[in-house]
């Protein structure tokens, strides 16, 4: 994903000139270049490479990487920090068609846990590409179409959508799927799923949520 320096072309060019004049000196020139450029390239790679695992694929048992977006309330928040202390379901959608699956999951989840103050959720439309141009109109439309009581549960994300597709395991054959991530109160990933809601998949989610609540009873 990141562009890293590549001195391969220059190395071959210098080596070629040296070979014409004195074949034995080519090795010396290459060794000298490796010695000079090696530490520089290592330093550049260390600077360019993520040190927090932000670009690694999301996995159960690992901390969830920071996800920044804007709530329909207008507030900019970072997850999982904004949901710290609560069991949190993230419902991500990467296409317009995914809204059906996201909403179906959201409705069923709210029905099951609306009265549990230690549980919350966020619907997360991932809106990359040209959607950024119409951001104001898109957000305004979502505000009109979402009950005000849930404006704090819809997080729009317009940046780094491609990176998030890789992190979540998005696949083009499931472009209209809901991608679900369940976080523990400490922000650790506890359950993952992609696809429509059905009795079996919801039972699995329900068991995961209840298990987390039982493991951390209210004080």
Protein backbone atom coordinates (compact mmCIF):
# COMPACT_ATOMS: atom_id res chain seq x y z
CA UNK A 1 0.00 0.00 0.00
CA UNK A 2 2.73 2.42 0.96
CA UNK A 3 5.25 3.55 -1.58
CA UNK A 4 8.77 2.75 -0.53
CA UNK A 5 12.00 4.04 -2.04
CA UNK A 6 13.46 1.81 -4.74
CA UNK A 7 17.04 2.33 -5.79
CA UNK A 8 17.08 -0.71 -8.10
CA UNK A 9 17.09 1.29 -11.33
CA UNK A 10 19.99 3.56 -10.32
CA UNK A 11 21.99 0.61 -8.99
CA UNK A 12 21.80 -1.23 -12.30
CA UNK A 13 22.69 1.92 -14.23
CA UNK A 14 25.83 2.64 -12.22
CA UNK A 15 26.82 -1.01 -12.25
CA UNK A 16 26.48 -1.12 -16.04
CA UNK A 17 28.81 1.83 -16.56
CA UNK A 18 31.36 0.41 -14.15
CA UNK A 19 31.30 -2.95 -15.90
CA UNK A 20 32.25 -1.39 -19.20
CA UNK A 21 35.29 0.35 -17.72
CA UNK A 22 36.46 -2.20 -15.21
CA UNK A 23 34.37 -5.31 -14.41
CA UNK A 24 36.03 -5.85 -11.05
CA UNK A 25 34.90 -2.42 -9.79
CA UNK A 26 31.18 -3.15 -10.27
CA UNK A 27 31.01 -5.24 -7.11
CA UNK A 28 32.80 -2.55 -5.16
CA UNK A 29 30.39 0.11 -6.41
CA UNK A 30 27.33 -1.97 -5.51
CA UNK A 31 28.73 -2.78 -2.09
CA UNK A 32 29.39 0.91 -1.50
CA UNK A 33 25.84 1.82 -2.52
CA UNK A 34 24.35 -0.85 -0.27
CA UNK A 35 26.43 0.44 2.59
CA UNK A 36 25.35 4.04 2.03
CA UNK A 37 21.70 3.50 1.13
CA UNK A 38 20.91 0.53 3.34
CA UNK A 39 20.54 2.48 6.63
CA UNK A 40 18.63 5.24 4.81
CA UNK A 41 16.13 2.79 3.32
CA UNK A 42 15.64 1.06 6.67
CA UNK A 43 14.99 4.42 8.29
CA UNK A 44 12.47 5.39 5.62
CA UNK A 45 10.66 2.08 5.96
CA UNK A 46 10.45 2.48 9.72
CA UNK A 47 8.98 5.96 9.32
CA UNK A 48 6.50 4.90 6.63
CA UNK A 49 5.37 1.67 8.26
CA UNK A 50 2.48 1.79 10.76
CA UNK A 51 3.68 1.08 14.27
CA UNK A 52 0.28 0.41 15.80
CA UNK A 53 -1.01 -2.34 13.53
CA UNK A 54 -3.59 0.06 12.09
CA UNK A 55 -3.51 -1.62 8.66
CA UNK A 56 -3.68 -5.21 9.83
CA UNK A 57 -6.87 -7.20 9.29
CA UNK A 58 -9.26 -7.07 12.21
CA UNK A 59 -9.14 -10.27 14.25
CA UNK A 60 -10.97 -11.61 17.28
CA UNK A 61 -8.95 -11.08 20.41
CA UNK A 62 -7.10 -8.04 19.04
CA UNK A 63 -7.69 -4.35 19.84
CA UNK A 64 -9.88 -2.63 17.28
CA UNK A 65 -7.96 0.06 15.35
CA UNK A 66 -9.04 3.66 15.70
CA UNK A 67 -11.97 4.55 13.45
CA UNK A 68 -12.69 8.27 13.10
CA UNK A 69 -15.89 9.62 11.67
CA UNK A 70 -18.71 12.13 12.14
CA UNK A 71 -21.94 11.39 13.94
CA UNK A 72 -25.18 12.72 12.52
CA UNK A 73 -25.17 15.02 15.55
CA UNK A 74 -22.19 16.77 13.96
CA UNK A 75 -19.64 15.56 16.50
CA UNK A 76 -16.39 13.97 15.34
CA UNK A 77 -15.50 10.90 17.39
CA UNK A 78 -13.00 8.08 17.50
CA UNK A 79 -14.05 4.50 18.04
CA UNK A 80 -13.60 2.48 20.12
CA UNK A 81 -12.63 5.33 22.51
CA UNK A 82 -16.08 6.97 22.26
CA UNK A 83 -17.73 3.70 23.36
CA UNK A 84 -15.23 2.83 26.09
CA UNK A 85 -16.78 0.83 28.91
CA UNK A 86 -19.62 -0.53 26.80
CA UNK A 87 -20.14 -3.65 24.73
CA UNK A 88 -20.43 -2.17 21.24
CA UNK A 89 -21.72 -3.51 17.94
CA UNK A 90 -20.36 -1.83 14.81
CA UNK A 91 -22.43 -2.34 11.66
CA UNK A 92 -20.38 -1.33 8.63
CA UNK A 93 -21.73 -0.92 5.12
CA UNK A 94 -19.61 -0.15 2.06
CA UNK A 95 -22.30 0.30 -0.60
CA UNK A 96 -25.73 1.84 -0.93
CA UNK A 97 -27.16 -1.66 -1.20
CA UNK A 98 -25.76 -2.67 2.18
CA UNK A 99 -28.22 -0.42 4.02
CA UNK A 100 -30.88 -3.16 4.03
CA UNK A 101 -28.72 -5.71 5.82
CA UNK A 102 -27.30 -3.10 8.18
CA UNK A 103 -30.76 -1.89 9.15
CA UNK A 104 -32.12 -5.42 9.60
CA UNK A 105 -29.28 -6.26 11.99
CA UNK A 106 -29.64 -2.94 13.78
CA UNK A 107 -33.37 -3.36 14.39
CA UNK A 108 -32.97 -6.85 15.79
CA UNK A 109 -30.05 -5.81 17.98
CA UNK A 110 -31.96 -2.85 19.40
CA UNK A 111 -34.95 -5.04 20.15
CA UNK A 112 -32.75 -7.37 22.16
CA UNK A 113 -30.59 -4.87 24.05
CA UNK A 114 -32.35 -1.48 24.06
CA UNK A 115 -32.84 -1.66 27.83
CA UNK A 116 -29.26 -2.66 28.61
CA UNK A 117 -27.25 0.52 29.40
CA UNK A 118 -23.95 -1.35 29.08
CA UNK A 119 -24.58 -2.07 25.39
CA UNK A 120 -24.53 0.32 22.45
CA UNK A 121 -24.22 0.23 18.66
CA UNK A 122 -23.06 2.31 15.71
CA UNK A 123 -24.20 2.06 12.11
CA UNK A 124 -21.16 3.02 10.02
CA UNK A 125 -21.70 3.97 6.36
CA UNK A 126 -18.29 3.85 4.64
CA UNK A 127 -18.53 6.47 1.92
CA UNK A 128 -15.39 6.71 -0.19
CA UNK A 129 -14.71 7.81 -3.74
CA UNK A 130 -17.02 10.40 -5.27
CA UNK A 131 -19.27 10.34 -2.22
CA UNK A 132 -16.87 12.79 -0.58
CA UNK A 133 -17.90 15.43 -3.11
CA UNK A 134 -21.54 15.21 -2.03
CA UNK A 135 -20.81 14.79 1.66
CA UNK A 136 -23.03 17.64 2.85
CA UNK A 137 -26.02 16.42 0.84
CA UNK A 138 -25.51 12.79 1.91
CA UNK A 139 -25.26 13.64 5.59
CA UNK A 140 -28.27 15.94 5.38
CA UNK A 141 -30.31 13.20 3.74
CA UNK A 142 -29.33 10.69 6.41
CA UNK A 143 -30.27 13.12 9.17
CA UNK A 144 -33.72 13.54 7.63
CA UNK A 145 -34.15 9.78 7.23
CA UNK A 146 -32.92 8.80 10.69
CA UNK A 147 -34.93 9.37 13.88
CA UNK A 148 -33.20 12.05 15.93
CA UNK A 149 -32.89 9.68 18.86
CA UNK A 150 -30.41 7.65 16.80
CA UNK A 151 -28.32 10.49 15.37
CA UNK A 152 -25.65 9.65 17.92
CA UNK A 153 -25.55 6.05 16.64
CA UNK A 154 -24.77 6.74 12.98
CA UNK A 155 -21.13 7.42 12.16
CA UNK A 156 -20.27 8.48 8.61
CA UNK A 157 -16.73 7.75 7.41
CA UNK A 158 -15.33 9.33 4.24
CA UNK A 159 -11.60 8.74 4.63
CA UNK A 160 -9.42 5.63 4.21
CA UNK A 161 -12.35 3.49 3.05
CA UNK A 162 -10.04 1.28 0.98
CA UNK A 163 -7.91 0.61 4.04
CA UNK A 164 -11.00 -0.32 6.03
CA UNK A 165 -12.13 -2.72 3.33
CA UNK A 166 -8.86 -4.58 3.79
CA UNK A 167 -9.08 -4.48 7.57
CA UNK A 168 -12.63 -5.81 7.67
CA UNK A 169 -12.14 -8.43 4.95
CA UNK A 170 -14.53 -6.86 2.45
CA UNK A 171 -15.11 -8.88 -0.71
CA UNK A 172 -16.69 -7.68 -3.94
CA UNK A 173 -18.94 -10.74 -4.06
CA UNK A 174 -20.41 -9.47 -0.77
CA UNK A 175 -20.38 -5.79 -1.58
CA UNK A 176 -23.92 -5.28 -0.27
CA UNK A 177 -23.35 -7.22 2.93
CA UNK A 178 -23.38 -5.87 6.45
CA UNK A 179 -19.98 -6.28 8.12
CA UNK A 180 -20.33 -6.63 11.87
CA UNK A 181 -17.75 -6.19 14.60
CA UNK A 182 -18.55 -6.74 18.28
CA UNK A 183 -16.27 -4.99 20.73
CA UNK A 184 -15.82 -5.68 24.40
CA UNK A 185 -15.90 -2.85 26.92
CA UNK A 186 -12.12 -2.54 26.54
CA UNK A 187 -12.25 -2.10 22.75
CA UNK A 188 -11.10 -5.63 21.94
CA UNK A 189 -12.73 -7.44 19.02
CA UNK A 190 -14.90 -10.27 20.37
CA UNK A 191 -17.01 -11.40 17.40
CA UNK A 192 -17.05 -10.92 13.62
CA UNK A 193 -19.64 -11.61 10.95
CA UNK A 194 -20.52 -10.64 7.39
CA UNK A 195 -23.87 -11.21 5.75
CA UNK A 196 -27.60 -11.01 6.41
CA UNK A 197 -29.20 -11.57 9.77
CA UNK A 198 -30.82 -14.94 10.41
CA UNK A 199 -31.71 -16.90 13.53
CA UNK A 200 -28.42 -18.76 13.72
CA UNK A 201 -26.17 -15.74 13.21
CA UNK A 202 -28.16 -13.60 15.63
CA UNK A 203 -28.08 -16.35 18.24
CA UNK A 204 -24.29 -16.35 17.91
CA UNK A 205 -24.15 -12.57 18.37
CA UNK A 206 -26.58 -12.67 21.26
CA UNK A 207 -24.50 -15.33 23.05
CA UNK A 208 -21.35 -13.25 22.57
CA UNK A 209 -22.96 -10.12 24.02
CA UNK A 210 -24.50 -11.94 26.97
CA UNK A 211 -21.19 -13.65 27.67
CA UNK A 212 -19.41 -10.29 27.83
CA UNK A 213 -22.07 -8.84 30.12
CA UNK A 214 -21.95 -11.81 32.48
CA UNK A 215 -18.15 -11.64 32.60
CA UNK A 216 -18.33 -7.97 33.67
CA UNK A 217 -21.37 -7.59 35.96
CA UNK A 218 -22.48 -4.04 36.82
CA UNK A 219 -20.88 -2.51 39.92
